Protein backbone atom coordinates (compact mmCIF):
# COMPACT_ATOMS: atom_id res chain seq x y z
CA MET A 1 138.49 140.86 164.80
CA ASN A 2 140.78 137.50 163.81
CA ALA A 3 140.10 135.29 167.23
CA THR A 4 140.77 131.85 167.69
CA GLY A 5 139.35 130.99 170.86
CA THR A 6 135.17 131.19 171.37
CA LEU A 7 133.48 134.22 173.17
CA TYR A 8 130.16 133.30 174.90
CA THR A 9 127.62 135.89 176.18
CA VAL A 10 125.78 134.94 179.56
CA SER A 11 123.02 136.71 180.46
CA ALA A 12 119.95 136.58 182.82
CA PRO A 13 117.78 138.65 184.90
CA SER A 14 119.10 139.56 188.14
CA GLY A 15 118.41 136.81 190.95
CA ALA A 16 118.37 133.79 188.16
CA GLY A 17 121.61 132.47 189.10
CA LYS A 18 123.77 133.68 186.27
CA THR A 19 126.67 134.52 188.58
CA SER A 20 126.54 131.23 190.26
CA LEU A 21 126.40 129.26 187.27
CA VAL A 22 129.75 130.76 185.44
CA ASN A 23 131.48 130.20 188.77
CA ALA A 24 130.62 126.34 188.32
CA LEU A 25 131.38 126.19 185.02
CA LEU A 26 135.17 128.32 185.90
CA ALA A 27 135.36 125.17 188.61
CA ARG A 28 134.99 123.29 185.53
CA ARG A 29 136.78 124.41 183.18
CA PRO A 30 139.35 126.83 184.61
CA SER A 31 141.35 127.48 181.32
CA LEU A 32 137.81 129.88 180.18
CA GLN A 33 138.49 133.41 180.89
CA VAL A 34 135.51 135.52 182.35
CA SER A 35 135.84 138.70 181.52
CA VAL A 36 135.55 141.99 184.69
CA SER A 37 133.37 144.89 183.28
CA HIS A 38 133.91 148.04 184.14
CA THR A 39 131.22 149.93 186.20
CA THR A 40 129.53 153.10 187.79
CA ARG A 41 127.77 151.00 190.21
CA PRO A 42 128.81 151.45 194.15
CA GLN A 43 131.62 148.91 195.22
CA ARG A 44 129.25 146.25 197.41
CA PRO A 45 130.77 144.72 200.69
CA GLY A 46 132.79 141.85 200.22
CA GLU A 47 133.63 142.85 196.12
CA GLN A 48 137.30 143.59 194.97
CA ASP A 49 138.30 146.25 192.66
CA GLY A 50 139.16 144.12 189.43
CA VAL A 51 138.05 141.04 190.57
CA ASN A 52 134.65 141.29 190.46
CA TYR A 53 134.13 144.49 188.47
CA HIS A 54 136.45 147.62 187.44
CA PHE A 55 134.86 150.87 189.85
CA VAL A 56 134.92 153.80 188.09
CA ASP A 57 133.10 156.67 188.32
CA GLU A 58 130.94 158.11 185.53
CA ALA A 59 133.32 160.38 184.40
CA THR A 60 136.14 157.94 183.56
CA PHE A 61 133.35 155.37 182.05
CA ILE A 62 132.20 158.41 179.81
CA ALA A 63 135.81 159.18 178.95
CA MET A 64 136.14 155.31 178.07
CA LEU A 65 133.41 155.08 175.75
CA GLU A 66 134.25 158.12 173.60
CA GLN A 67 137.36 156.69 173.55
CA ALA A 68 135.61 153.15 171.96
CA ALA A 69 137.31 151.32 175.03
CA PHE A 70 133.86 148.99 175.51
CA LEU A 71 133.22 145.86 173.37
CA GLU A 72 129.97 146.51 174.64
CA HIS A 73 127.92 148.52 177.14
CA ALA A 74 124.40 149.38 178.69
CA ARG A 75 122.61 151.06 181.81
CA VAL A 76 120.99 148.81 183.79
CA PHE A 77 119.37 149.85 187.07
CA GLY A 78 120.48 153.75 186.54
CA ASN A 79 124.28 152.42 186.68
CA LEU A 80 126.63 152.05 183.11
CA TYR A 81 128.52 148.71 182.84
CA GLY A 82 131.16 148.23 179.78
CA THR A 83 133.28 145.55 178.73
CA SER A 84 136.64 145.78 177.53
CA GLN A 85 137.05 145.77 174.05
CA SER A 86 141.00 145.28 174.21
CA TRP A 87 141.13 142.39 176.68
CA VAL A 88 138.56 140.58 174.77
CA GLU A 89 140.37 140.91 171.36
CA ALA A 90 143.30 139.77 173.04
CA GLN A 91 142.19 136.67 174.98
CA LEU A 92 140.42 135.50 172.02
CA ALA A 93 143.51 135.95 169.56
CA ALA A 94 145.63 134.24 172.02
CA GLY A 95 142.78 131.04 172.09
CA THR A 96 141.29 131.34 174.97
CA ASP A 97 137.52 131.18 174.94
CA VAL A 98 136.05 133.71 177.24
CA ILE A 99 132.99 134.67 179.42
CA LEU A 100 130.90 138.03 178.80
CA GLU A 101 128.07 138.19 181.71
CA ILE A 102 126.41 140.72 180.76
CA ASP A 103 122.59 142.06 180.53
CA TRP A 104 120.50 141.03 177.21
CA GLN A 105 121.42 145.00 176.07
CA GLY A 106 124.97 144.15 176.20
CA ALA A 107 124.79 140.59 174.37
CA ALA A 108 123.08 141.96 171.46
CA GLN A 109 125.57 144.09 170.53
CA VAL A 110 128.36 141.88 170.78
CA LYS A 111 126.27 139.26 168.41
CA ARG A 112 125.68 142.34 166.14
CA LEU A 113 129.75 143.05 166.17
CA LEU A 114 130.30 139.30 166.39
CA PRO A 115 127.84 136.85 165.35
CA ASP A 116 129.95 134.25 165.80
CA THR A 117 129.36 134.93 169.47
CA CYS A 118 127.48 132.30 171.67
CA GLY A 119 124.38 133.69 173.83
CA ILE A 120 123.28 132.23 176.49
CA PHE A 121 120.30 133.08 178.52
CA ILE A 122 119.51 131.87 181.57
CA LEU A 123 116.16 131.70 183.50
CA PRO A 124 114.94 131.06 186.86
CA PRO A 125 112.23 128.07 187.18
CA SER A 126 109.32 130.39 188.16
CA ARG A 127 108.73 134.19 189.38
CA ALA A 128 108.25 132.84 192.62
CA ALA A 129 111.97 131.17 192.99
CA LEU A 130 113.63 134.26 191.49
CA GLU A 131 111.93 136.83 194.11
CA GLN A 132 112.99 134.12 196.72
CA ARG A 133 116.28 134.31 194.97
CA LEU A 134 116.33 138.07 195.54
CA THR A 135 114.97 137.96 199.15
CA GLY A 136 117.43 135.95 199.63
CA ARG A 137 120.45 137.55 199.26
CA GLY A 138 119.53 140.36 201.69
CA GLN A 139 121.34 142.86 199.76
CA ASP A 140 118.03 145.16 199.05
CA ASP A 141 115.04 146.82 200.37
CA PRO A 142 111.97 145.51 199.21
CA ALA A 143 111.42 148.87 196.92
CA VAL A 144 114.67 147.70 195.02
CA ILE A 145 113.29 143.66 194.61
CA ALA A 146 110.20 144.70 193.48
CA SER A 147 111.96 146.92 190.70
CA ARG A 148 114.15 144.07 189.69
CA LEU A 149 111.05 141.57 189.51
CA ALA A 150 109.07 144.28 187.55
CA GLU A 151 112.38 144.32 185.03
CA ALA A 152 112.87 140.83 185.09
CA VAL A 153 110.00 140.34 183.02
CA GLU A 154 111.11 142.54 180.32
CA GLU A 155 114.84 140.71 180.35
CA MET A 156 113.37 137.63 179.64
CA SER A 157 111.58 138.53 176.74
CA HIS A 158 114.46 138.78 174.51
CA TYR A 159 115.57 135.49 175.60
CA VAL A 160 114.73 134.50 172.09
CA GLN A 161 117.46 136.38 170.79
CA SER A 162 119.91 133.76 172.49
CA ASP A 163 121.16 130.26 171.23
CA TYR A 164 120.32 128.13 174.01
CA LEU A 165 117.78 129.23 177.15
CA VAL A 166 118.91 127.28 180.12
CA VAL A 167 116.43 126.84 183.48
CA ASN A 168 118.52 127.35 186.34
CA ASN A 169 117.14 124.99 188.77
CA ASP A 170 119.96 125.00 191.00
CA PHE A 171 121.49 127.66 191.79
């Protein structure tokens, strides 16, 4: 890829405030573009197709995967997520800086393909803060929250693969 824009990956365990931080950054620097991932996850209330995610069924996602349409992809909490390679390439070629708000697996894939990518990992200030954030969202039952907390420990062990580590005390 002959890119003139800069590619950033922002990764974090669920509830660490990744989306809140990215939104705050976009408010300060609106010239940045955030990639809208494809996912097989069910659409949540208030989410818009093409804005929050491109919601597709598993068969469509697999077909896109077979066509090498994704720069990166991963299965997270049983759902598939992927970043459109053609969209990212077009943005970077136009000189636009791009943020990929993705999990650590996707960030590692991107870094292998594009070593100049700047990786940023977001951590919560504590496990208790993470649990409070997950509970406070009001979108998951206690079993899902427990599963996400357990998975967060594994996810956080991968922060060393990033270029920068940010502890999110604010969101």
